[in-house]
C-alpha atoms as a PDB file:
ATOM      1  CA  MET A   1      14.027  79.365 -31.512  1.00  0.00           C
ATOM      2  CA  GLN A   2      16.888  81.330 -32.763  1.00  0.00           C
ATOM      3  CA  ASN A   3      15.731  84.190 -30.652  1.00  0.00           C
ATOM      4  CA  CYS A   4      16.731  81.825 -27.978  1.00  0.00           C
ATOM      5  CA  ILE A   5      19.997  81.130 -29.684  1.00  0.00           C
ATOM      6  CA  LYS A   6      20.772  84.727 -30.019  1.00  0.00           C
ATOM      7  CA  LYS A   7      19.909  85.423 -26.430  1.00  0.00           C
ATOM      8  CA  ILE A   8      21.890  82.386 -25.470  1.00  0.00           C
ATOM      9  CA  PHE A   9      24.837  83.518 -27.495  1.00  0.00           C
ATOM     10  CA  ALA A  10      24.427  86.908 -25.999  1.00  0.00           C
ATOM     11  CA  SER A  11      24.414  85.466 -22.585  1.00  0.00           C
ATOM     12  CA  LEU A  12      27.241  83.137 -23.358  1.00  0.00           C
ATOM     13  CA  VAL A  13      29.749  84.919 -25.540  1.00  0.00           C
ATOM     14  CA  ILE A  14      29.396  87.184 -23.599  1.00  0.00           C
ATOM     15  CA  PHE A  15      29.105  85.926 -20.115  1.00  0.00           C
ATOM     16  CA  GLY A  16      25.821  87.542 -19.067  1.00  0.00           C
ATOM     17  CA  TYR A  17      25.433  86.078 -15.653  1.00  0.00           C
ATOM     18  CA  PHE A  18      27.931  88.502 -14.142  1.00  0.00           C
ATOM     19  CA  GLY A  19      25.762  91.617 -14.660  1.00  0.00           C
ATOM     20  CA  GLY A  20      24.750  94.309 -12.238  1.00  0.00           C
ATOM     21  CA  ALA A  21      24.768  98.079 -11.853  1.00  0.00           C
ATOM     22  CA  LEU A  22      27.701  99.780 -10.192  1.00  0.00           C
ATOM     23  CA  SER A  23      27.232 100.348  -6.479  1.00  0.00           C
ATOM     24  CA  ALA A  24      29.270 102.121  -3.837  1.00  0.00           C
ATOM     25  CA  ASP A  25      29.834  98.946  -1.796  1.00  0.00           C
ATOM     26  CA  VAL A  26      31.375  96.900  -4.630  1.00  0.00           C
ATOM     27  CA  GLN A  27      34.485  94.871  -3.765  1.00  0.00           C
ATOM     28  CA  GLN A  28      37.580  96.314  -5.440  1.00  0.00           C
ATOM     29  CA  LEU A  29      41.125  95.089  -5.908  1.00  0.00           C
ATOM     30  CA  ARG A  30      43.399  96.889  -3.456  1.00  0.00           C
ATOM     31  CA  GLU A  31      46.704  95.900  -5.021  1.00  0.00           C
ATOM     32  CA  LYS A  32      47.672  95.151  -8.587  1.00  0.00           C
ATOM     33  CA  PRO A  33      47.668  91.376  -9.173  1.00  0.00           C
ATOM     34  CA  ASP A  34      50.446  89.820 -11.244  1.00  0.00           C
ATOM     35  CA  TRP A  35      48.090  89.013 -14.122  1.00  0.00           C
ATOM     36  CA  LEU A  36      46.982  92.641 -14.585  1.00  0.00           C
ATOM     37  CA  LEU A  37      49.151  94.563 -17.047  1.00  0.00           C
ATOM     38  CA  THR A  38      49.676  98.322 -16.733  1.00  0.00           C
ATOM     39  CA  CYS A  39      49.542 100.911 -19.515  1.00  0.00           C
ATOM     40  CA  PRO A  40      50.432 104.615 -19.711  1.00  0.00           C
ATOM     41  CA  ARG A  41      47.353 106.730 -18.991  1.00  0.00           C
ATOM     42  CA  GLU A  42      48.328 109.414 -21.499  1.00  0.00           C
ATOM     43  CA  ASN A  43      48.452 106.814 -24.297  1.00  0.00           C
ATOM     44  CA  PRO A  44      47.075 103.442 -23.171  1.00  0.00           C
ATOM     45  CA  ASN A  45      47.175 102.122 -26.753  1.00  0.00           C
ATOM     46  CA  GLN A  46      50.919 102.643 -27.121  1.00  0.00           C
ATOM     47  CA  ASP A  47      52.528  99.543 -28.646  1.00  0.00           C
ATOM     48  CA  GLY A  48      49.192  97.743 -28.358  1.00  0.00           C
ATOM     49  CA  CYS A  49      49.362  97.905 -24.560  1.00  0.00           C
ATOM     50  CA  PHE A  50      45.635  98.127 -23.816  1.00  0.00           C
ATOM     51  CA  LYS A  51      44.873  95.343 -26.289  1.00  0.00           C
ATOM     52  CA  LYS A  52      47.373  93.068 -24.489  1.00  0.00           C
ATOM     53  CA  MET A  53      45.946  94.014 -21.105  1.00  0.00           C
ATOM     54  CA  PHE A  54      42.357  93.455 -22.266  1.00  0.00           C
ATOM     55  CA  GLU A  55      43.105  90.073 -23.840  1.00  0.00           C
ATOM     56  CA  GLY A  56      45.066  88.971 -20.785  1.00  0.00           C
ATOM     57  CA  MET A  57      41.969  89.484 -18.662  1.00  0.00           C
ATOM     58  CA  PHE A  58      40.068  86.676 -20.432  1.00  0.00           C
ATOM     59  CA  THR A  59      42.311  83.906 -19.122  1.00  0.00           C
ATOM     60  CA  ARG A  60      41.974  85.214 -15.598  1.00  0.00           C
ATOM     61  CA  LEU A  61      38.227  85.765 -15.811  1.00  0.00           C
ATOM     62  CA  ALA A  62      37.797  82.169 -16.946  1.00  0.00           C
ATOM     63  CA  LYS A  63      39.174  81.101 -13.559  1.00  0.00           C
ATOM     64  CA  GLY A  64      37.315  83.804 -11.670  1.00  0.00           C
ATOM     65  CA  ILE A  65      38.580  86.427  -9.249  1.00  0.00           C
ATOM     66  CA  PRO A  66      37.173  85.220  -5.909  1.00  0.00           C
ATOM     67  CA  GLU A  67      38.842  87.977  -3.877  1.00  0.00           C
ATOM     68  CA  VAL A  68      36.479  90.509  -5.447  1.00  0.00           C
ATOM     69  CA  GLY A  69      33.490  88.242  -6.029  1.00  0.00           C
ATOM     70  CA  ILE A  70      33.829  87.407  -9.740  1.00  0.00           C
ATOM     71  CA  GLU A  71      32.943  83.765 -10.372  1.00  0.00           C
ATOM     72  CA  PRO A  72      34.552  81.609 -13.108  1.00  0.00           C
ATOM     73  CA  PHE A  73      32.853  81.805 -16.467  1.00  0.00           C
ATOM     74  CA  GLU A  74      34.430  78.744 -18.065  1.00  0.00           C
ATOM     75  CA  PRO A  75      32.176  76.912 -18.346  1.00  0.00           C
ATOM     76  CA  LEU A  76      29.573  79.645 -18.193  1.00  0.00           C
ATOM     77  CA  ARG A  77      26.383  78.754 -16.341  1.00  0.00           C
ATOM     78  CA  ILE A  78      23.142  80.553 -17.183  1.00  0.00           C
ATOM     79  CA  LYS A  79      19.936  79.815 -15.269  1.00  0.00           C
ATOM     80  CA  ASP A  80      17.459  80.448 -18.075  1.00  0.00           C
ATOM     81  CA  VAL A  81      16.769  82.338 -21.298  1.00  0.00           C
ATOM     82  CA  GLU A  82      13.206  83.253 -22.157  1.00  0.00           C
ATOM     83  CA  ILE A  83      12.064  83.207 -25.783  1.00  0.00           C
ATOM     84  CA  SER A  84       9.357  85.412 -27.237  1.00  0.00           C
ATOM     85  CA  LYS A  85       9.298  85.932 -30.995  1.00  0.00           C
ATOM     86  CA  GLY A  86       5.876  86.654 -32.430  1.00  0.00           C
ATOM     87  CA  MET A  87       6.444  88.177 -35.859  1.00  0.00           C
ATOM     88  CA  GLY A  88       7.864  87.242 -39.253  1.00  0.00           C
ATOM     89  CA  SER A  89       8.860  83.742 -40.303  1.00  0.00           C
ATOM     90  CA  LEU A  90       9.880  82.898 -36.729  1.00  0.00           C
ATOM     91  CA  THR A  91       7.198  82.701 -34.039  1.00  0.00           C
ATOM     92  CA  LEU A  92       8.363  81.059 -30.846  1.00  0.00           C
ATOM     93  CA  ALA A  93       7.536  81.074 -27.143  1.00  0.00           C
ATOM     94  CA  GLY A  94       9.229  79.295 -24.263  1.00  0.00           C
ATOM     95  CA  GLY A  95      12.893  79.209 -23.421  1.00  0.00           C
ATOM     96  CA  PHE A  96      16.058  77.417 -22.383  1.00  0.00           C
ATOM     97  CA  GLN A  97      17.027  76.416 -18.858  1.00  0.00           C
ATOM     98  CA  ASN A  98      20.231  75.430 -17.049  1.00  0.00           C
ATOM     99  CA  LEU A  99      22.577  76.443 -19.848  1.00  0.00           C
ATOM    100  CA  LEU A 100      26.183  75.268 -19.704  1.00  0.00           C
ATOM    101  CA  VAL A 101      28.382  77.145 -22.194  1.00  0.00           C
ATOM    102  CA  ARG A 102      31.950  76.209 -23.062  1.00  0.00           C
ATOM    103  CA  GLY A 103      34.327  78.325 -25.136  1.00  0.00           C
ATOM    104  CA  PRO A 104      34.036  81.993 -24.036  1.00  0.00           C
ATOM    105  CA  SER A 105      37.545  82.026 -22.545  1.00  0.00           C
ATOM    106  CA  ASN A 106      39.026  81.150 -25.954  1.00  0.00           C
ATOM    107  CA  ALA A 107      38.143  84.597 -27.297  1.00  0.00           C
ATOM    108  CA  THR A 108      40.805  86.349 -29.330  1.00  0.00           C
ATOM    109  CA  VAL A 109      40.943  90.136 -29.110  1.00  0.00           C
ATOM    110  CA  ARG A 110      41.580  91.418 -32.625  1.00  0.00           C
ATOM    111  CA  ARG A 111      41.317  95.075 -31.660  1.00  0.00           C
ATOM    112  CA  ALA A 112      40.968  97.018 -28.410  1.00  0.00           C
ATOM    113  CA  LEU A 113      41.276 100.796 -28.143  1.00  0.00           C
ATOM    114  CA  LEU A 114      40.788 103.015 -25.093  1.00  0.00           C
ATOM    115  CA  ASN A 115      40.432 106.777 -25.599  1.00  0.00           C
ATOM    116  CA  PHE A 116      40.047 109.060 -22.574  1.00  0.00           C
ATOM    117  CA  GLN A 117      39.599 112.181 -24.653  1.00  0.00           C
ATOM    118  CA  ASP A 118      36.309 111.074 -26.187  1.00  0.00           C
ATOM    119  CA  ARG A 119      35.538 108.538 -23.430  1.00  0.00           C
ATOM    120  CA  SER A 120      35.355 105.560 -25.780  1.00  0.00           C
ATOM    121  CA  LEU A 121      36.362 101.899 -25.464  1.00  0.00           C
ATOM    122  CA  ASP A 122      36.022  99.752 -28.602  1.00  0.00           C
ATOM    123  CA  PHE A 123      37.003  96.127 -29.218  1.00  0.00           C
ATOM    124  CA  ASP A 124      36.637  93.264 -31.697  1.00  0.00           C
ATOM    125  CA  LEU A 125      36.394  89.648 -30.516  1.00  0.00           C
ATOM    126  CA  GLU A 126      36.641  86.325 -32.313  1.00  0.00           C
ATOM    127  CA  LEU A 127      35.448  83.065 -30.763  1.00  0.00           C
ATOM    128  CA  PRO A 128      36.215  79.897 -32.730  1.00  0.00           C
ATOM    129  CA  LEU A 129      33.581  77.710 -31.082  1.00  0.00           C
ATOM    130  CA  LEU A 130      30.884  77.970 -28.432  1.00  0.00           C
ATOM    131  CA  ARG A 131      29.296  74.724 -27.217  1.00  0.00           C
ATOM    132  CA  ILE A 132      26.000  74.889 -25.336  1.00  0.00           C
ATOM    133  CA  ASN A 133      24.153  72.191 -23.384  1.00  0.00           C
ATOM    134  CA  ALA A 134      20.757  73.003 -21.876  1.00  0.00           C
ATOM    135  CA  THR A 135      17.152  71.963 -21.537  1.00  0.00           C
ATOM    136  CA  TYR A 136      14.422  73.650 -23.565  1.00  0.00           C
ATOM    137  CA  ASN A 137      10.673  74.199 -23.775  1.00  0.00           C
ATOM    138  CA  LEU A 138       9.560  75.727 -27.090  1.00  0.00           C
ATOM    139  CA  LYS A 139       6.404  76.084 -29.136  1.00  0.00           C
ATOM    140  CA  GLY A 140       5.858  77.933 -32.411  1.00  0.00           C
ATOM    141  CA  ASN A 141       6.965  77.989 -36.033  1.00  0.00           C
ATOM    142  CA  VAL A 142      10.391  78.248 -37.687  1.00  0.00           C
ATOM    143  CA  LEU A 143      10.339  79.346 -41.317  1.00  0.00           C
ATOM    144  CA  LEU A 144       6.704  78.165 -41.502  1.00  0.00           C
ATOM    145  CA  LEU A 145       7.417  74.722 -40.006  1.00  0.00           C
ATOM    146  CA  PRO A 146       5.940  73.848 -36.591  1.00  0.00           C
ATOM    147  CA  LEU A 147       8.295  73.432 -33.643  1.00  0.00           C
ATOM    148  CA  VAL A 148       6.954  71.864 -30.447  1.00  0.00           C
ATOM    149  CA  GLY A 149       8.974  70.123 -27.755  1.00  0.00           C
ATOM    150  CA  ASN A 150      10.741  70.047 -24.418  1.00  0.00           C
ATOM    151  CA  GLY A 151      13.874  68.178 -23.406  1.00  0.00           C
ATOM    152  CA  ASP A 152      17.628  68.423 -23.879  1.00  0.00           C
ATOM    153  CA  VAL A 153      19.328  70.606 -26.471  1.00  0.00           C
ATOM    154  CA  LYS A 154      22.882  70.809 -27.799  1.00  0.00           C
ATOM    155  CA  MET A 155      24.161  73.739 -29.839  1.00  0.00           C
ATOM    156  CA  ALA A 156      27.434  74.859 -31.391  1.00  0.00           C
ATOM    157  CA  LEU A 157      28.188  78.324 -32.768  1.00  0.00           C
ATOM    158  CA  LYS A 158      31.266  78.519 -34.984  1.00  0.00           C
ATOM    159  CA  ASP A 159      33.510  81.404 -35.999  1.00  0.00           C
ATOM    160  CA  VAL A 160      31.735  84.080 -34.015  1.00  0.00           C
ATOM    161  CA  ARG A 161      32.955  87.631 -34.609  1.00  0.00           C
ATOM    162  CA  SER A 162      31.729  90.573 -32.595  1.00  0.00           C
ATOM    163  CA  ASN A 163      32.407  94.326 -32.666  1.00  0.00           C
ATOM    164  CA  VAL A 164      31.667  96.399 -29.573  1.00  0.00           C
ATOM    165  CA  ALA A 165      31.720 100.219 -29.452  1.00  0.00           C
ATOM    166  CA  THR A 166      31.145 102.011 -26.134  1.00  0.00           C
ATOM    167  CA  LYS A 167      31.027 105.372 -24.404  1.00  0.00           C
ATOM    168  CA  PHE A 168      32.053 105.502 -20.749  1.00  0.00           C
ATOM    169  CA  SER A 169      32.312 107.803 -17.750  1.00  0.00           C
ATOM    170  CA  ILE A 170      34.459 107.743 -14.598  1.00  0.00           C
ATOM    171  CA  LYS A 171      32.914 106.785 -11.255  1.00  0.00           C
ATOM    172  CA  LYS A 172      34.237 106.485  -7.691  1.00  0.00           C
ATOM    173  CA  LEU A 173      33.362 103.204  -5.909  1.00  0.00           C
ATOM    174  CA  PRO A 174      35.255 104.401  -3.787  1.00  0.00           C
ATOM    175  CA  GLU A 175      38.285 104.313  -6.133  1.00  0.00           C
ATOM    176  CA  GLU A 176      37.885 105.622  -9.677  1.00  0.00           C
ATOM    177  CA  VAL A 177      36.718 103.068 -12.237  1.00  0.00           C
ATOM    178  CA  ILE A 178      35.367 102.993 -15.784  1.00  0.00           C
ATOM    179  CA  GLN A 179      31.582 102.785 -16.116  1.00  0.00           C
ATOM    180  CA  ILE A 180      30.202 101.963 -19.568  1.00  0.00           C
ATOM    181  CA  ASP A 181      27.129 104.098 -20.277  1.00  0.00           C
ATOM    182  CA  GLU A 182      26.408 103.362 -23.942  1.00  0.00           C
ATOM    183  CA  MET A 183      27.184 100.391 -26.152  1.00  0.00           C
ATOM    184  CA  LYS A 184      26.563  99.127 -29.664  1.00  0.00           C
ATOM    185  CA  VAL A 185      27.200  95.483 -30.555  1.00  0.00           C
ATOM    186  CA  THR A 186      27.365  93.904 -34.008  1.00  0.00           C
ATOM    187  CA  PHE A 187      28.172  90.258 -34.708  1.00  0.00           C
ATOM    188  CA  LEU A 188      28.587  87.594 -37.367  1.00  0.00           C
ATOM    189  CA  VAL A 189      28.267  83.821 -36.906  1.00  0.00           C
ATOM    190  CA  GLY A 190      30.040  81.531 -39.363  1.00  0.00           C
ATOM    191  CA  GLY A 191      27.825  78.532 -38.692  1.00  0.00           C
ATOM    192  CA  MET A 192      25.450  76.876 -36.249  1.00  0.00           C
ATOM    193  CA  LYS A 193      24.560  73.295 -35.388  1.00  0.00           C
ATOM    194  CA  ILE A 194      21.686  72.363 -33.108  1.00  0.00           C
ATOM    195  CA  HIS A 195      19.952  69.219 -31.901  1.00  0.00           C
ATOM    196  CA  LEU A 196      16.678  69.279 -29.969  1.00  0.00           C
ATOM    197  CA  ASP A 197      15.659  66.045 -28.216  1.00  0.00           C
ATOM    198  CA  ASN A 198      12.035  65.004 -27.663  1.00  0.00           C
ATOM    199  CA  LEU A 199      10.435  67.102 -30.382  1.00  0.00           C
ATOM    200  CA  PHE A 200       6.752  66.456 -31.075  1.00  0.00           C
ATOM    201  CA  ASN A 201       6.349  64.313 -27.942  1.00  0.00           C
ATOM    202  CA  GLY A 202       9.257  62.078 -28.922  1.00  0.00           C
ATOM    203  CA  ASN A 203       8.272  61.398 -32.551  1.00  0.00           C
ATOM    204  CA  GLN A 204      11.634  60.314 -33.957  1.00  0.00           C
ATOM    205  CA  ILE A 205      10.786  60.874 -37.622  1.00  0.00           C
ATOM    206  CA  LEU A 206       9.366  64.381 -37.192  1.00  0.00           C
ATOM    207  CA  GLY A 207      12.116  65.297 -34.741  1.00  0.00           C
ATOM    208  CA  ALA A 208      14.909  64.180 -37.061  1.00  0.00           C
ATOM    209  CA  SER A 209      13.328  66.043 -39.973  1.00  0.00           C
ATOM    210  CA  LEU A 210      13.029  69.305 -38.057  1.00  0.00           C
ATOM    211  CA  ASN A 211      16.574  69.099 -36.672  1.00  0.00           C
ATOM    212  CA  LEU A 212      17.864  68.535 -40.203  1.00  0.00           C
ATOM    213  CA  PHE A 213      15.852  71.495 -41.454  1.00  0.00           C
ATOM    214  CA  LEU A 214      17.143  73.770 -38.673  1.00  0.00           C
ATOM    215  CA  ASN A 215      20.747  72.919 -39.469  1.00  0.00           C
ATOM    216  CA  GLN A 216      20.312  73.264 -43.220  1.00  0.00           C
ATOM    217  CA  ASN A 217      18.761  76.716 -42.764  1.00  0.00           C
ATOM    218  CA  SER A 218      20.885  77.995 -39.885  1.00  0.00           C
ATOM    219  CA  ASN A 219      22.183  81.024 -41.807  1.00  0.00           C
ATOM    220  CA  GLU A 220      18.649  82.186 -42.600  1.00  0.00           C
ATOM    221  CA  ILE A 221      17.572  81.693 -39.001  1.00  0.00           C
ATOM    222  CA  ILE A 222      20.531  83.668 -37.666  1.00  0.00           C
ATOM    223  CA  ALA A 223      19.904  86.461 -40.172  1.00  0.00           C
ATOM    224  CA  GLU A 224      16.250  86.637 -39.125  1.00  0.00           C
ATOM    225  CA  LEU A 225      17.216  87.077 -35.483  1.00  0.00           C
ATOM    226  CA  ARG A 226      20.368  89.165 -35.812  1.00  0.00           C
ATOM    227  CA  GLY A 227      18.838  92.493 -34.790  1.00  0.00           C
ATOM    228  CA  ASP A 228      17.307  91.069 -31.619  1.00  0.00           C
ATOM    229  CA  LEU A 229      20.517  89.287 -30.789  1.00  0.00           C
ATOM    230  CA  GLU A 230      22.603  92.425 -31.094  1.00  0.00           C
ATOM    231  CA  ASN A 231      20.223  94.233 -28.742  1.00  0.00           C
ATOM    232  CA  GLY A 232      20.462  91.361 -26.290  1.00  0.00           C
ATOM    233  CA  LEU A 233      24.241  91.313 -26.508  1.00  0.00           C
ATOM    234  CA  THR A 234      24.353  95.005 -25.715  1.00  0.00           C
ATOM    235  CA  LYS A 235      22.508  94.517 -22.431  1.00  0.00           C
ATOM    236  CA  ILE A 236      24.649  91.520 -21.498  1.00  0.00           C
ATOM    237  CA  PHE A 237      27.968  93.187 -22.365  1.00  0.00           C
ATOM    238  CA  ILE A 238      27.229  96.382 -20.452  1.00  0.00           C
ATOM    239  CA  ASN A 239      26.490  94.370 -17.314  1.00  0.00           C
ATOM    240  CA  LEU A 240      29.504  92.133 -17.797  1.00  0.00           C
ATOM    241  CA  TRP A 241      32.124  94.781 -18.351  1.00  0.00           C
ATOM    242  CA  ASN A 242      30.749  97.179 -15.747  1.00  0.00           C
ATOM    243  CA  ASN A 243      30.914  94.347 -13.246  1.00  0.00           C
ATOM    244  CA  VAL A 244      34.533  93.604 -14.196  1.00  0.00           C
ATOM    245  CA  PHE A 245      35.800  97.180 -14.479  1.00  0.00           C
ATOM    246  CA  SER A 246      34.078  98.195 -11.241  1.00  0.00           C
ATOM    247  CA  ARG A 247      36.405  95.745  -9.421  1.00  0.00           C
ATOM    248  CA  MET A 248      39.530  97.197 -11.043  1.00  0.00           C
ATOM    249  CA  PRO A 249      40.461 100.743  -9.914  1.00  0.00           C
ATOM    250  CA  ILE A 250      41.945 102.718 -12.786  1.00  0.00           C
ATOM    251  CA  LYS A 251      45.039 103.527 -10.734  1.00  0.00           C
ATOM    252  CA  LEU A 252      46.016  99.836 -10.762  1.00  0.00           C
ATOM    253  CA  TRP A 253      46.218  99.468 -14.554  1.00  0.00           C
ATOM    254  CA  LEU A 254      46.827 102.989 -15.885  1.00  0.00           C
ATOM    255  CA  ILE A 255      49.931 104.804 -14.654  1.00  0.00           C
END
């Protein structure tokens, strides 16, 4: 089930529904909008310039950029997340549907560095709270306890911290943009709360017991799924940021 959570978190914190490979017919900004800061190309990190520019993008992305086809991601809507975990103390199959995620736009950028010499872009994010509403359909075992059910689910991830390290290249679409080619994501979650409705065909006693168990053992569940989650986050983040940067010609924000 936490495989789901991780994939959810991946999708959410990280806004996975944008996605998509760079293509030559992508819509690009033609003029610099007021919300887009500019930095010196020779030293984009001077006086924390790139960090300020990067953080300033979150507020705008939350509202969307309709002129270039970027939809709002606050709240973030995700169609579905499939779950398949068949080894270890977690064995689950099924997934989550119609996810509504609130909180991604409240991310704080603790660090953001852009280096053209070694073609790297690295950043650290902190998200105080992510709230998720969805439906679910799951069957399996969590730490040796059975989990069977389908219905509504509510989740909250607290104090999420993520580090992202990338390697990029420059592409013309037709204007020059950054394209992220490689990425490594690590993360920490301070706490998780979850409530699954209609467990065990609506058995209130068994359902309440399992929900209590899941919340009491949330750290162990997250630890069990961390590796898979980081891999999922990598795929989501590459799609997200390539989609965003492909709309923003370098000449508009580096001078």
